N, C-alpha and C. Protein backbone atom coordinates (compact mmCIF):
# COMPACT_ATOMS: atom_id res chain seq x y z
N UNK A 1 -16.23 13.00 4.26
CA UNK A 1 -15.91 11.87 3.77
C UNK A 1 -14.48 11.29 3.95
N UNK A 2 -13.53 12.19 3.60
CA UNK A 2 -12.01 12.01 3.72
C UNK A 2 -11.75 12.05 5.35
N UNK A 3 -12.28 12.82 6.07
CA UNK A 3 -11.95 12.90 7.51
C UNK A 3 -12.39 11.49 8.10
N UNK A 4 -13.64 10.95 7.71
CA UNK A 4 -14.11 9.79 8.41
C UNK A 4 -12.98 8.69 8.04
N UNK A 5 -12.59 8.68 6.88
CA UNK A 5 -11.70 7.39 6.29
C UNK A 5 -10.24 7.89 7.08
N UNK A 6 -10.02 8.99 7.25
CA UNK A 6 -8.66 9.36 8.02
C UNK A 6 -8.87 8.73 9.42
N UNK A 7 -10.13 9.08 10.07
CA UNK A 7 -10.33 8.45 11.50
C UNK A 7 -10.00 6.89 11.61
N UNK A 8 -10.69 6.23 10.49
CA UNK A 8 -10.55 4.77 10.53
C UNK A 8 -9.05 4.36 10.30
N UNK A 9 -8.39 5.12 9.49
CA UNK A 9 -6.97 4.69 9.27
C UNK A 9 -6.24 4.95 10.60
N UNK A 10 -6.57 5.93 11.26
CA UNK A 10 -5.91 6.15 12.65
C UNK A 10 -6.33 5.21 13.66
N UNK A 11 -7.23 4.37 13.45
CA UNK A 11 -7.34 3.28 14.49
C UNK A 11 -8.91 2.94 14.96
N UNK A 12 -9.79 3.86 14.55
CA UNK A 12 -11.34 3.81 14.99
C UNK A 12 -11.93 2.61 14.12
N UNK A 13 -12.69 1.83 14.87
CA UNK A 13 -13.41 0.99 14.11
C UNK A 13 -14.54 1.79 13.20
N UNK A 14 -15.06 1.18 12.23
CA UNK A 14 -16.09 1.80 11.32
C UNK A 14 -17.32 2.32 12.31
N UNK A 15 -17.68 1.50 13.13
CA UNK A 15 -18.94 1.88 14.12
C UNK A 15 -18.46 3.11 15.06
N UNK A 16 -17.35 3.02 15.50
CA UNK A 16 -16.78 4.15 16.10
C UNK A 16 -16.59 5.33 15.41
N UNK A 17 -16.22 5.35 14.30
CA UNK A 17 -16.17 6.38 13.38
C UNK A 17 -17.34 7.02 13.02
N UNK A 18 -18.49 6.17 12.72
CA UNK A 18 -19.80 6.62 12.46
C UNK A 18 -20.28 7.32 13.75
N UNK A 19 -20.09 6.94 15.03
CA UNK A 19 -20.38 7.63 16.08
C UNK A 19 -19.71 9.02 16.17
N UNK A 20 -18.27 9.05 15.83
CA UNK A 20 -17.52 10.18 16.19
C UNK A 20 -18.01 11.45 14.99
N UNK A 21 -18.56 10.87 13.79
CA UNK A 21 -18.84 12.18 12.95
C UNK A 21 -20.47 12.48 13.04
N UNK A 22 -21.02 11.79 13.84
CA UNK A 22 -22.61 12.36 14.05
C UNK A 22 -22.71 13.68 14.37
N UNK A 23 -21.72 14.51 14.93
CA UNK A 23 -22.15 16.13 15.16
C UNK A 23 -22.04 16.67 13.70
N UNK A 24 -21.37 16.03 12.85
CA UNK A 24 -21.29 16.79 11.50
C UNK A 24 -22.26 16.14 10.54
N UNK A 25 -22.60 14.85 10.55
CA UNK A 25 -23.31 14.16 9.57
C UNK A 25 -23.72 12.77 10.15
N UNK A 26 -24.99 12.33 10.02
CA UNK A 26 -25.12 10.93 10.47
C UNK A 26 -25.06 9.83 9.32
N UNK A 27 -24.27 8.92 9.59
CA UNK A 27 -23.96 7.92 8.61
C UNK A 27 -23.78 6.65 9.30
N UNK A 28 -24.20 5.60 8.83
CA UNK A 28 -24.11 4.22 9.42
C UNK A 28 -22.63 3.78 9.16
N UNK A 29 -22.19 2.73 9.86
CA UNK A 29 -20.94 2.28 9.81
C UNK A 29 -20.60 1.83 8.35
N UNK A 30 -21.66 1.18 7.84
CA UNK A 30 -21.66 0.60 6.32
C UNK A 30 -21.30 1.80 5.44
N UNK A 31 -21.91 2.96 5.60
CA UNK A 31 -21.58 4.12 4.81
C UNK A 31 -20.29 4.52 4.72
N UNK A 32 -19.51 4.42 5.93
CA UNK A 32 -18.11 4.72 6.16
C UNK A 32 -17.34 3.75 5.45
N UNK A 33 -17.72 2.42 5.62
CA UNK A 33 -16.94 1.39 4.96
C UNK A 33 -16.96 1.43 3.36
N UNK A 34 -18.33 2.08 2.84
CA UNK A 34 -18.38 2.41 1.43
C UNK A 34 -17.48 3.47 0.88
N UNK A 35 -17.31 4.54 1.87
CA UNK A 35 -16.31 5.65 1.55
C UNK A 35 -14.99 5.07 1.59
N UNK A 36 -14.57 4.41 2.51
CA UNK A 36 -13.39 3.64 2.38
C UNK A 36 -12.94 3.03 1.13
N UNK A 37 -13.89 2.21 0.64
CA UNK A 37 -13.67 1.53 -0.54
C UNK A 37 -13.70 2.48 -1.80
N UNK A 38 -14.38 3.60 -1.73
CA UNK A 38 -14.54 4.54 -2.92
C UNK A 38 -13.34 5.33 -3.04
N UNK A 39 -12.69 5.73 -1.76
CA UNK A 39 -11.36 6.32 -1.95
C UNK A 39 -10.30 5.50 -2.44
N UNK A 40 -10.36 4.13 -2.03
CA UNK A 40 -9.46 3.14 -2.55
C UNK A 40 -9.33 3.02 -4.02
N UNK A 41 -10.56 3.18 -4.64
CA UNK A 41 -10.78 3.02 -5.93
C UNK A 41 -10.50 4.04 -6.86
N UNK A 42 -10.36 5.33 -6.40
CA UNK A 42 -10.07 6.52 -6.90
C UNK A 42 -8.79 6.86 -7.44
N UNK A 43 -8.28 6.20 -8.56
CA UNK A 43 -6.95 6.34 -8.96
C UNK A 43 -6.49 7.64 -9.37
N UNK A 44 -7.36 8.51 -9.94
CA UNK A 44 -7.08 9.92 -10.28
C UNK A 44 -6.65 10.75 -9.06
N UNK A 45 -7.47 10.54 -7.83
CA UNK A 45 -7.24 11.00 -6.63
C UNK A 45 -5.79 10.74 -6.32
N UNK A 46 -5.41 9.50 -6.41
CA UNK A 46 -4.11 9.03 -5.94
C UNK A 46 -2.92 9.72 -6.66
N UNK A 47 -3.18 9.91 -8.02
CA UNK A 47 -2.14 10.52 -8.78
C UNK A 47 -1.75 11.84 -8.21
N UNK A 48 -2.66 12.46 -7.52
CA UNK A 48 -2.35 14.08 -7.14
C UNK A 48 -1.18 14.00 -6.08
N UNK A 49 -1.19 12.90 -5.49
CA UNK A 49 -0.26 12.80 -4.24
C UNK A 49 0.93 11.84 -4.51
N UNK A 50 1.19 11.29 -5.77
CA UNK A 50 2.32 10.47 -6.16
C UNK A 50 3.42 11.35 -6.13
N UNK A 51 4.79 10.64 -5.57
CA UNK A 51 5.93 11.14 -5.59
C UNK A 51 6.44 11.52 -6.96
N UNK A 52 7.06 12.82 -7.37
CA UNK A 52 7.47 13.08 -8.87
C UNK A 52 8.49 12.11 -9.21
N UNK A 53 8.59 11.71 -10.59
CA UNK A 53 9.53 10.85 -10.99
C UNK A 53 10.94 11.40 -10.84
N UNK A 54 11.06 12.57 -10.90
CA UNK A 54 12.40 13.19 -10.78
C UNK A 54 12.99 13.03 -9.33
N UNK A 55 12.16 12.69 -8.33
CA UNK A 55 12.72 12.55 -6.89
C UNK A 55 13.01 11.15 -6.56
N UNK A 56 12.75 10.24 -7.66
CA UNK A 56 12.90 8.73 -7.28
C UNK A 56 14.26 8.49 -7.65
N UNK A 57 15.29 7.79 -6.82
CA UNK A 57 16.54 7.52 -6.89
C UNK A 57 16.75 5.93 -7.32
N UNK A 58 16.05 5.11 -6.51
CA UNK A 58 16.00 3.75 -6.68
C UNK A 58 14.56 3.17 -6.27
N UNK A 59 14.49 1.79 -6.67
CA UNK A 59 13.44 1.11 -6.41
C UNK A 59 13.97 0.11 -5.25
N UNK A 60 13.57 0.11 -4.19
CA UNK A 60 13.94 -0.87 -3.10
C UNK A 60 12.76 -1.77 -2.91
N UNK A 61 12.84 -2.98 -3.03
CA UNK A 61 11.60 -4.11 -3.12
C UNK A 61 11.76 -5.02 -2.33
N UNK A 62 10.67 -5.42 -1.70
CA UNK A 62 10.64 -6.63 -0.86
C UNK A 62 9.34 -7.22 -0.91
N UNK A 63 9.08 -8.39 -0.20
CA UNK A 63 7.68 -8.96 -0.11
C UNK A 63 7.51 -9.60 1.29
N UNK A 64 6.33 -9.70 1.65
CA UNK A 64 6.06 -10.36 2.90
C UNK A 64 4.86 -11.19 2.71
N UNK A 65 4.62 -12.23 3.63
CA UNK A 65 3.48 -13.26 3.54
C UNK A 65 2.52 -12.63 4.44
N UNK A 66 1.19 -12.62 3.93
CA UNK A 66 -0.09 -12.39 4.71
C UNK A 66 -1.05 -13.23 4.58
N UNK A 67 -2.05 -13.43 5.41
CA UNK A 67 -3.07 -14.15 5.30
C UNK A 67 -4.34 -13.53 4.88
N UNK A 68 -4.83 -13.99 3.64
CA UNK A 68 -6.15 -13.34 3.07
C UNK A 68 -7.15 -14.48 2.82
N UNK A 69 -8.31 -14.37 3.26
CA UNK A 69 -9.41 -15.38 3.20
C UNK A 69 -8.92 -16.71 3.46
N UNK A 70 -8.09 -16.69 4.59
CA UNK A 70 -7.69 -18.07 5.31
C UNK A 70 -6.52 -18.69 4.47
N UNK A 71 -5.96 -17.92 3.39
CA UNK A 71 -5.00 -18.44 2.55
C UNK A 71 -3.68 -17.55 2.72
N UNK A 72 -2.44 -18.35 2.21
CA UNK A 72 -1.33 -17.43 2.22
C UNK A 72 -1.26 -16.60 0.92
N UNK A 73 -1.02 -15.35 0.99
CA UNK A 73 -0.79 -14.37 -0.17
C UNK A 73 0.48 -13.67 0.14
N UNK A 74 0.85 -12.82 -0.73
CA UNK A 74 2.19 -12.09 -0.70
C UNK A 74 2.00 -10.64 -1.05
N UNK A 75 2.46 -9.81 -0.31
CA UNK A 75 2.36 -8.45 -0.79
C UNK A 75 3.86 -7.86 -1.05
N UNK A 76 3.93 -7.27 -2.20
CA UNK A 76 5.06 -6.75 -2.69
C UNK A 76 5.07 -5.46 -2.36
N UNK A 77 6.39 -4.79 -2.01
CA UNK A 77 6.38 -3.21 -1.69
C UNK A 77 7.65 -2.74 -2.22
N UNK A 78 7.37 -1.50 -2.87
CA UNK A 78 8.46 -0.74 -3.54
C UNK A 78 8.63 0.60 -2.58
N UNK A 79 9.95 0.96 -2.10
CA UNK A 79 10.02 1.97 -1.40
C UNK A 79 11.25 2.84 -1.77
N UNK A 80 10.99 4.17 -1.62
CA UNK A 80 12.24 5.12 -1.93
C UNK A 80 12.86 5.52 -0.64
N UNK A 81 13.89 4.92 -0.27
CA UNK A 81 14.44 5.09 1.00
C UNK A 81 15.10 6.60 1.19
N UNK A 82 15.41 7.30 0.31
CA UNK A 82 15.92 8.58 0.37
C UNK A 82 14.80 9.53 0.70
N UNK A 83 13.67 9.41 0.12
CA UNK A 83 12.40 10.22 0.33
C UNK A 83 11.71 9.64 1.26
N UNK A 84 11.90 8.30 1.81
CA UNK A 84 11.14 7.75 2.80
C UNK A 84 9.69 7.67 2.32
N UNK A 85 9.26 7.25 1.16
CA UNK A 85 8.11 7.21 0.68
C UNK A 85 7.76 5.79 -0.07
N UNK A 86 6.48 5.31 0.16
CA UNK A 86 6.00 4.08 -0.55
C UNK A 86 5.74 4.29 -1.84
N UNK A 87 6.36 3.75 -2.77
CA UNK A 87 6.20 3.94 -4.34
C UNK A 87 5.09 3.20 -4.94
N UNK A 88 4.94 1.85 -4.29
CA UNK A 88 3.91 1.07 -4.99
C UNK A 88 3.74 -0.20 -4.13
N UNK A 89 2.57 -0.86 -4.22
CA UNK A 89 2.32 -2.16 -3.62
C UNK A 89 1.58 -2.97 -4.73
N UNK A 90 1.86 -4.27 -4.49
CA UNK A 90 1.37 -5.28 -5.44
C UNK A 90 0.99 -6.57 -4.54
N UNK A 91 -0.17 -7.17 -4.82
CA UNK A 91 -0.61 -8.30 -4.20
C UNK A 91 -0.58 -9.59 -5.07
N UNK A 92 -0.30 -10.67 -4.69
CA UNK A 92 -0.17 -11.89 -5.42
C UNK A 92 -0.35 -13.11 -4.57
N UNK A 93 -0.80 -14.16 -5.16
CA UNK A 93 -1.01 -15.39 -4.27
C UNK A 93 0.37 -16.02 -4.15
N UNK A 94 1.27 -15.87 -5.07
CA UNK A 94 2.62 -16.54 -4.89
C UNK A 94 3.56 -15.46 -5.61
N UNK A 95 4.81 -15.14 -4.88
CA UNK A 95 5.80 -14.29 -5.51
C UNK A 95 6.41 -15.25 -6.72
N UNK A 96 6.65 -14.45 -8.02
CA UNK A 96 7.20 -15.15 -8.96
C UNK A 96 7.74 -14.15 -9.86
N UNK A 97 8.47 -14.58 -10.89
CA UNK A 97 9.03 -13.56 -11.93
C UNK A 97 7.91 -12.84 -12.50
N UNK A 98 6.83 -13.44 -13.04
CA UNK A 98 5.83 -12.79 -13.60
C UNK A 98 5.03 -11.78 -12.72
N UNK A 99 4.86 -12.11 -11.49
CA UNK A 99 4.12 -11.08 -10.67
C UNK A 99 5.02 -9.96 -10.23
N UNK A 100 6.50 -10.28 -10.24
CA UNK A 100 7.38 -9.10 -9.91
C UNK A 100 7.46 -8.28 -11.30
N UNK A 101 7.58 -8.92 -12.47
CA UNK A 101 7.58 -8.30 -13.70
C UNK A 101 6.41 -7.35 -13.82
N UNK A 102 5.15 -7.68 -13.49
CA UNK A 102 3.95 -6.89 -13.64
C UNK A 102 4.23 -5.60 -12.70
N UNK A 103 4.81 -5.89 -11.47
CA UNK A 103 4.91 -4.83 -10.49
C UNK A 103 5.99 -3.87 -10.82
N UNK A 104 7.10 -4.27 -11.32
CA UNK A 104 8.27 -3.55 -11.83
C UNK A 104 7.71 -2.65 -13.11
N UNK A 105 6.99 -3.28 -13.95
CA UNK A 105 6.51 -2.46 -15.22
C UNK A 105 5.70 -1.26 -14.75
N UNK A 106 4.81 -1.58 -13.68
CA UNK A 106 3.89 -0.53 -13.22
C UNK A 106 4.71 0.77 -12.70
N UNK A 107 5.76 0.21 -12.03
CA UNK A 107 6.82 1.15 -11.24
C UNK A 107 7.37 2.12 -12.39
N UNK A 108 7.88 1.43 -13.40
CA UNK A 108 8.66 2.15 -14.40
C UNK A 108 7.61 3.00 -15.26
N UNK A 109 6.40 2.62 -15.47
CA UNK A 109 5.47 3.62 -15.89
C UNK A 109 5.26 4.93 -15.14
N UNK A 110 5.18 4.68 -14.00
CA UNK A 110 4.84 5.83 -12.94
C UNK A 110 6.14 6.69 -12.81
N UNK A 111 7.30 6.08 -12.60
CA UNK A 111 8.35 6.91 -12.21
C UNK A 111 9.68 6.81 -13.08
N UNK A 112 9.65 6.07 -14.06
CA UNK A 112 10.74 5.95 -15.02
C UNK A 112 11.67 4.64 -14.72
N UNK A 113 12.77 4.49 -15.38
CA UNK A 113 13.54 3.40 -15.12
C UNK A 113 14.60 3.88 -14.15
N UNK A 114 14.82 2.86 -12.97
CA UNK A 114 15.64 3.10 -11.94
C UNK A 114 16.35 1.73 -11.62
N UNK A 115 17.46 1.78 -10.74
CA UNK A 115 18.06 0.59 -10.36
C UNK A 115 17.06 -0.04 -9.24
N UNK A 116 17.07 -1.46 -9.38
CA UNK A 116 16.44 -2.07 -8.29
C UNK A 116 17.16 -2.69 -7.22
N UNK A 117 16.98 -2.69 -5.97
CA UNK A 117 17.51 -3.21 -4.83
C UNK A 117 16.71 -4.24 -4.15
N UNK A 118 16.97 -5.30 -3.91
CA UNK A 118 16.25 -6.24 -3.33
C UNK A 118 17.15 -7.29 -2.26
N UNK A 119 16.53 -8.08 -1.53
CA UNK A 119 17.27 -8.92 -0.53
C UNK A 119 17.88 -10.28 -1.31
N UNK A 120 17.74 -10.21 -2.70
CA UNK A 120 18.39 -11.30 -3.39
C UNK A 120 17.52 -12.51 -3.74
N UNK A 121 16.36 -12.26 -3.46
CA UNK A 121 15.30 -13.49 -4.02
C UNK A 121 15.25 -13.64 -5.48
N UNK A 122 15.32 -14.96 -5.92
CA UNK A 122 15.63 -15.14 -7.23
C UNK A 122 14.58 -14.52 -8.30
N UNK A 123 13.30 -14.40 -7.88
CA UNK A 123 12.39 -13.72 -8.81
C UNK A 123 12.72 -12.23 -9.12
N UNK A 124 13.36 -11.48 -8.33
CA UNK A 124 13.68 -10.07 -8.50
C UNK A 124 14.91 -10.10 -9.61
N UNK A 125 15.80 -10.88 -9.45
CA UNK A 125 16.92 -10.89 -10.58
C UNK A 125 16.45 -11.28 -11.81
N UNK A 126 15.47 -12.39 -11.90
CA UNK A 126 14.96 -12.83 -13.29
C UNK A 126 14.21 -11.72 -13.78
N UNK A 127 13.26 -11.19 -13.01
CA UNK A 127 12.50 -9.93 -13.65
C UNK A 127 13.12 -8.88 -13.98
N UNK A 128 14.30 -8.38 -13.30
CA UNK A 128 15.09 -7.36 -13.73
C UNK A 128 15.85 -7.58 -14.96
N UNK A 129 16.31 -8.82 -15.17
CA UNK A 129 16.95 -9.31 -16.51
C UNK A 129 16.09 -9.23 -17.53
N UNK A 130 14.80 -9.65 -17.39
CA UNK A 130 13.79 -9.59 -18.50
C UNK A 130 13.60 -8.16 -18.93
N UNK A 131 13.42 -7.25 -17.77
CA UNK A 131 12.96 -5.81 -18.15
C UNK A 131 14.19 -5.02 -18.39
N UNK A 132 15.42 -5.55 -18.45
CA UNK A 132 16.67 -4.79 -18.65
C UNK A 132 16.84 -3.63 -17.62
N UNK A 133 16.48 -4.03 -16.22
CA UNK A 133 16.67 -3.08 -15.24
C UNK A 133 17.97 -3.69 -14.27
N UNK A 134 18.74 -2.64 -13.80
CA UNK A 134 19.92 -3.07 -13.11
C UNK A 134 19.42 -3.52 -11.74
N UNK A 135 20.16 -4.61 -11.31
CA UNK A 135 19.44 -5.25 -9.99
C UNK A 135 20.76 -5.40 -9.14
N UNK A 136 20.42 -4.98 -7.88
CA UNK A 136 21.53 -4.96 -6.82
C UNK A 136 20.99 -5.61 -5.55
N UNK A 137 21.76 -6.12 -4.74
CA UNK A 137 21.43 -6.84 -3.59
C UNK A 137 21.66 -6.17 -2.35
N UNK A 138 20.90 -5.81 -1.38
CA UNK A 138 21.52 -4.99 -0.15
C UNK A 138 21.64 -6.13 0.88
N UNK A 139 22.83 -5.82 1.80
CA UNK A 139 23.24 -6.98 2.66
C UNK A 139 22.36 -6.94 3.86
N UNK A 140 22.25 -8.21 4.50
CA UNK A 140 21.45 -8.25 5.69
C UNK A 140 22.20 -7.40 6.80
N UNK A 141 21.38 -6.61 7.43
CA UNK A 141 21.85 -5.78 8.49
C UNK A 141 22.19 -4.29 8.09
N UNK A 142 22.30 -4.19 6.79
CA UNK A 142 22.55 -2.80 6.16
C UNK A 142 21.46 -1.88 6.43
N UNK A 143 21.99 -0.64 6.33
CA UNK A 143 20.82 0.39 6.54
C UNK A 143 19.61 0.17 5.75
N UNK A 144 19.85 -0.04 4.44
CA UNK A 144 18.77 -0.21 3.52
C UNK A 144 17.87 -1.51 3.93
N UNK A 145 18.48 -2.39 4.44
CA UNK A 145 17.88 -3.76 4.88
C UNK A 145 16.92 -3.43 6.04
N UNK A 146 17.50 -2.64 7.07
CA UNK A 146 16.69 -2.26 8.25
C UNK A 146 15.33 -1.26 7.83
N UNK A 147 15.84 -0.54 6.91
CA UNK A 147 14.48 0.30 6.39
C UNK A 147 13.59 -0.33 5.78
N UNK A 148 13.88 -1.50 4.99
CA UNK A 148 12.86 -2.34 4.23
C UNK A 148 12.16 -3.31 5.33
N UNK A 149 12.93 -3.73 6.23
CA UNK A 149 12.37 -4.60 7.22
C UNK A 149 11.21 -3.80 8.14
N UNK A 150 11.59 -2.59 8.50
CA UNK A 150 10.39 -1.78 9.30
C UNK A 150 9.30 -1.53 8.30
N UNK A 151 9.42 -1.10 7.10
CA UNK A 151 8.40 -0.79 6.21
C UNK A 151 7.46 -2.06 5.84
N UNK A 152 8.13 -3.27 5.81
CA UNK A 152 7.29 -4.45 5.38
C UNK A 152 6.49 -4.93 6.68
N UNK A 153 7.12 -4.88 7.87
CA UNK A 153 6.43 -5.43 9.05
C UNK A 153 5.32 -4.45 9.43
N UNK A 154 5.33 -3.11 9.22
CA UNK A 154 4.33 -2.16 9.50
C UNK A 154 3.19 -2.62 8.54
N UNK A 155 3.67 -2.83 7.22
CA UNK A 155 2.41 -2.96 6.15
C UNK A 155 1.74 -4.37 6.56
N UNK A 156 2.62 -5.43 6.90
CA UNK A 156 1.95 -6.71 7.10
C UNK A 156 1.11 -6.64 8.28
N UNK A 157 1.49 -6.05 9.41
CA UNK A 157 0.63 -5.91 10.53
C UNK A 157 -0.60 -5.42 10.35
N UNK A 158 -0.68 -4.06 9.70
CA UNK A 158 -1.86 -3.25 9.26
C UNK A 158 -2.83 -4.18 8.43
N UNK A 159 -2.10 -4.66 7.28
CA UNK A 159 -3.22 -5.49 6.41
C UNK A 159 -3.69 -6.63 7.10
N UNK A 160 -3.00 -7.50 7.72
CA UNK A 160 -3.61 -8.72 8.44
C UNK A 160 -4.75 -8.33 9.42
N UNK A 161 -4.45 -7.11 10.18
CA UNK A 161 -5.45 -6.82 11.08
C UNK A 161 -6.88 -6.37 10.44
N UNK A 162 -6.61 -5.59 9.29
CA UNK A 162 -7.84 -5.27 8.47
C UNK A 162 -8.60 -6.59 8.05
N UNK A 163 -7.94 -7.39 7.63
CA UNK A 163 -8.61 -8.61 6.99
C UNK A 163 -9.24 -9.40 8.22
N UNK A 164 -8.68 -9.36 9.31
CA UNK A 164 -9.30 -9.87 10.47
C UNK A 164 -10.51 -9.11 10.77
N UNK A 165 -10.76 -8.03 10.71
CA UNK A 165 -11.94 -7.21 11.13
C UNK A 165 -12.96 -7.29 9.90
N UNK A 166 -12.43 -7.26 8.58
CA UNK A 166 -13.34 -7.21 7.56
C UNK A 166 -13.08 -8.44 6.76
N UNK A 167 -13.24 -9.53 7.09
CA UNK A 167 -12.61 -10.71 6.41
C UNK A 167 -13.53 -10.89 4.98
N UNK A 168 -12.51 -11.75 4.02
CA UNK A 168 -13.22 -11.75 2.66
C UNK A 168 -14.32 -12.79 2.79
N UNK A 169 -15.31 -12.52 1.96
CA UNK A 169 -16.41 -13.46 2.19
C UNK A 169 -16.29 -14.53 0.90
N UNK A 170 -15.22 -14.41 0.16
CA UNK A 170 -15.05 -15.59 -0.89
C UNK A 170 -14.41 -16.67 -0.19
N UNK A 171 -14.18 -17.85 -0.91
CA UNK A 171 -13.70 -18.89 -0.26
C UNK A 171 -12.28 -19.36 -1.29
N UNK A 172 -11.32 -19.43 -0.44
CA UNK A 172 -10.14 -19.69 -0.92
C UNK A 172 -9.59 -18.80 -2.10
N UNK A 173 -8.99 -19.25 -3.11
CA UNK A 173 -8.57 -18.41 -4.18
C UNK A 173 -9.50 -17.80 -5.25
N UNK A 174 -10.83 -18.02 -4.77
CA UNK A 174 -11.87 -17.31 -5.58
C UNK A 174 -11.79 -15.77 -5.23
N UNK A 175 -11.03 -15.49 -4.03
CA UNK A 175 -10.99 -14.24 -3.74
C UNK A 175 -10.25 -13.26 -4.68
N UNK A 176 -10.75 -12.13 -5.14
CA UNK A 176 -10.07 -11.30 -6.19
C UNK A 176 -9.32 -10.16 -5.49
N UNK A 177 -9.17 -10.13 -4.21
CA UNK A 177 -8.51 -9.00 -3.43
C UNK A 177 -9.10 -7.69 -3.42
N UNK A 178 -10.26 -7.47 -4.01
CA UNK A 178 -10.79 -6.16 -4.29
C UNK A 178 -10.83 -5.37 -2.87
N UNK A 179 -11.32 -6.04 -1.83
CA UNK A 179 -11.42 -5.19 -0.46
C UNK A 179 -10.05 -5.00 0.09
N UNK A 180 -9.18 -5.82 -0.22
CA UNK A 180 -7.66 -5.69 0.23
C UNK A 180 -7.12 -4.71 -0.60
N UNK A 181 -7.29 -4.89 -1.80
CA UNK A 181 -6.64 -3.95 -2.77
C UNK A 181 -6.99 -2.33 -2.62
N UNK A 182 -8.38 -2.11 -2.14
CA UNK A 182 -8.77 -0.97 -1.85
C UNK A 182 -8.05 -0.42 -0.36
N UNK A 183 -7.98 -1.35 0.42
CA UNK A 183 -7.39 -1.00 1.75
C UNK A 183 -5.91 -0.61 1.40
N UNK A 184 -5.14 -1.53 0.76
CA UNK A 184 -3.83 -1.13 0.38
C UNK A 184 -3.66 0.26 -0.28
N UNK A 185 -4.61 0.69 -1.21
CA UNK A 185 -4.44 1.94 -1.78
C UNK A 185 -4.72 3.02 -0.86
N UNK A 186 -5.55 2.86 0.16
CA UNK A 186 -5.67 3.90 1.19
C UNK A 186 -4.52 3.83 2.12
N UNK A 187 -3.94 2.76 2.40
CA UNK A 187 -2.66 2.70 3.31
C UNK A 187 -1.54 3.40 2.51
N UNK A 188 -1.43 3.29 1.22
CA UNK A 188 -0.36 4.05 0.49
C UNK A 188 -0.72 5.61 0.52
N UNK A 189 -1.88 5.87 0.16
CA UNK A 189 -2.38 7.32 0.13
C UNK A 189 -2.09 7.96 1.43
N UNK A 190 -2.22 7.44 2.69
CA UNK A 190 -2.13 8.10 3.82
C UNK A 190 -0.79 8.23 4.28
N UNK A 191 0.23 7.54 3.63
CA UNK A 191 1.58 7.66 3.89
C UNK A 191 2.31 8.59 3.01
N UNK A 192 1.50 9.56 2.23
CA UNK A 192 2.09 10.35 1.42
C UNK A 192 1.95 11.93 1.97
N UNK A 193 2.98 12.64 2.35
CA UNK A 193 2.94 13.87 3.04
C UNK A 193 1.86 14.88 2.44
N UNK A 194 1.86 14.91 1.04
CA UNK A 194 0.94 15.85 0.60
C UNK A 194 -0.54 15.62 0.93
N UNK A 195 -0.82 14.25 1.07
CA UNK A 195 -2.17 13.79 1.46
C UNK A 195 -2.38 14.22 3.02
N UNK A 196 -1.29 14.05 3.75
CA UNK A 196 -1.43 14.37 5.20
C UNK A 196 -1.77 15.78 5.47
N UNK A 197 -1.08 16.70 4.53
CA UNK A 197 -1.42 18.10 4.41
C UNK A 197 -2.87 18.56 4.06
N UNK A 198 -3.24 17.70 3.06
CA UNK A 198 -4.77 17.80 2.74
C UNK A 198 -5.79 17.52 3.84
N UNK A 199 -5.44 16.41 4.53
CA UNK A 199 -6.24 15.96 5.65
C UNK A 199 -6.06 17.17 6.72
N UNK A 200 -5.09 17.77 6.99
CA UNK A 200 -4.90 18.69 8.04
C UNK A 200 -5.78 19.96 7.62
N UNK A 201 -5.82 20.16 6.25
CA UNK A 201 -6.68 21.38 5.69
C UNK A 201 -8.11 21.02 6.00
N UNK A 202 -8.53 19.84 5.74
CA UNK A 202 -9.96 19.24 6.03
C UNK A 202 -10.18 19.41 7.66
N UNK A 203 -9.36 18.93 8.44
CA UNK A 203 -9.62 19.05 9.90
C UNK A 203 -9.59 20.52 10.35
N UNK A 204 -9.00 21.30 9.76
CA UNK A 204 -9.14 22.95 10.06
C UNK A 204 -10.39 23.54 9.77
N UNK A 205 -10.85 22.97 8.53
CA UNK A 205 -12.13 23.47 8.21
C UNK A 205 -13.37 22.89 8.92
N UNK A 206 -13.10 21.83 9.76
CA UNK A 206 -14.21 21.30 10.52
C UNK A 206 -14.35 21.79 11.80
N UNK A 207 -13.02 22.45 12.40
CA UNK A 207 -12.93 23.03 13.62
C UNK A 207 -13.48 24.52 13.78
C-alpha cells in the first residue's frame, strides 16, 4: 500500500501504478486512489514522522494561489529553513487574519511558540499580534526569501497538477477540499526524511 502511494507521488499515474504492482498484488487504479486518500487521512501515522519541537527554530511562512474546482484558493506553508523541513500546510479560499491565526495556532500546538518570519503581508502581522508571537519580515532577495520561493513554487506546481488529473466534482465553493487536503498531507509526509527511510525499508522488503 505504502509503496504504491510512493510510486504515485514519484510521478506514475494511478493506472500506471496499478500495472506496476501487479506482480505483487492485483488492484485497480481506483483501489490505489483509495489508498492514497487513506494515508492522507491517517493523522496518527503522520505524527510518527513530524519534526521534534526541540529542533524547530522559526516558522517561515508564505502563501500561494492555486486553482481548486475552477476557483482561486490559497495554500499557506510553514517551513523550518535550518532543518529544511515543511512544518505544516493550510488551505483556505482567501488569505486573512483568521485563516493565518488558525494555521499558526496549529503550528504552536505541534511545535511550541516560535518567531514568525514572512514576506510582510498584512494578515501575518495582524495574526501574530493577536497570538502574541514575534513577527519579522524577510527581505526580497535574501536567503530566506529564496528558500521560501522555491518551496512555494514546488508545492504550487504539484498541487495544481494533481487537481488537473483528479479534479473536484463539487461546484465552486461547495468544495470542502477533502481530496486536496489528503493529497497535501501525503505531500507533507513524503518530504519527511524519516518517512523516506521507511519507504526505503519497504522497497528492500519487496526486492
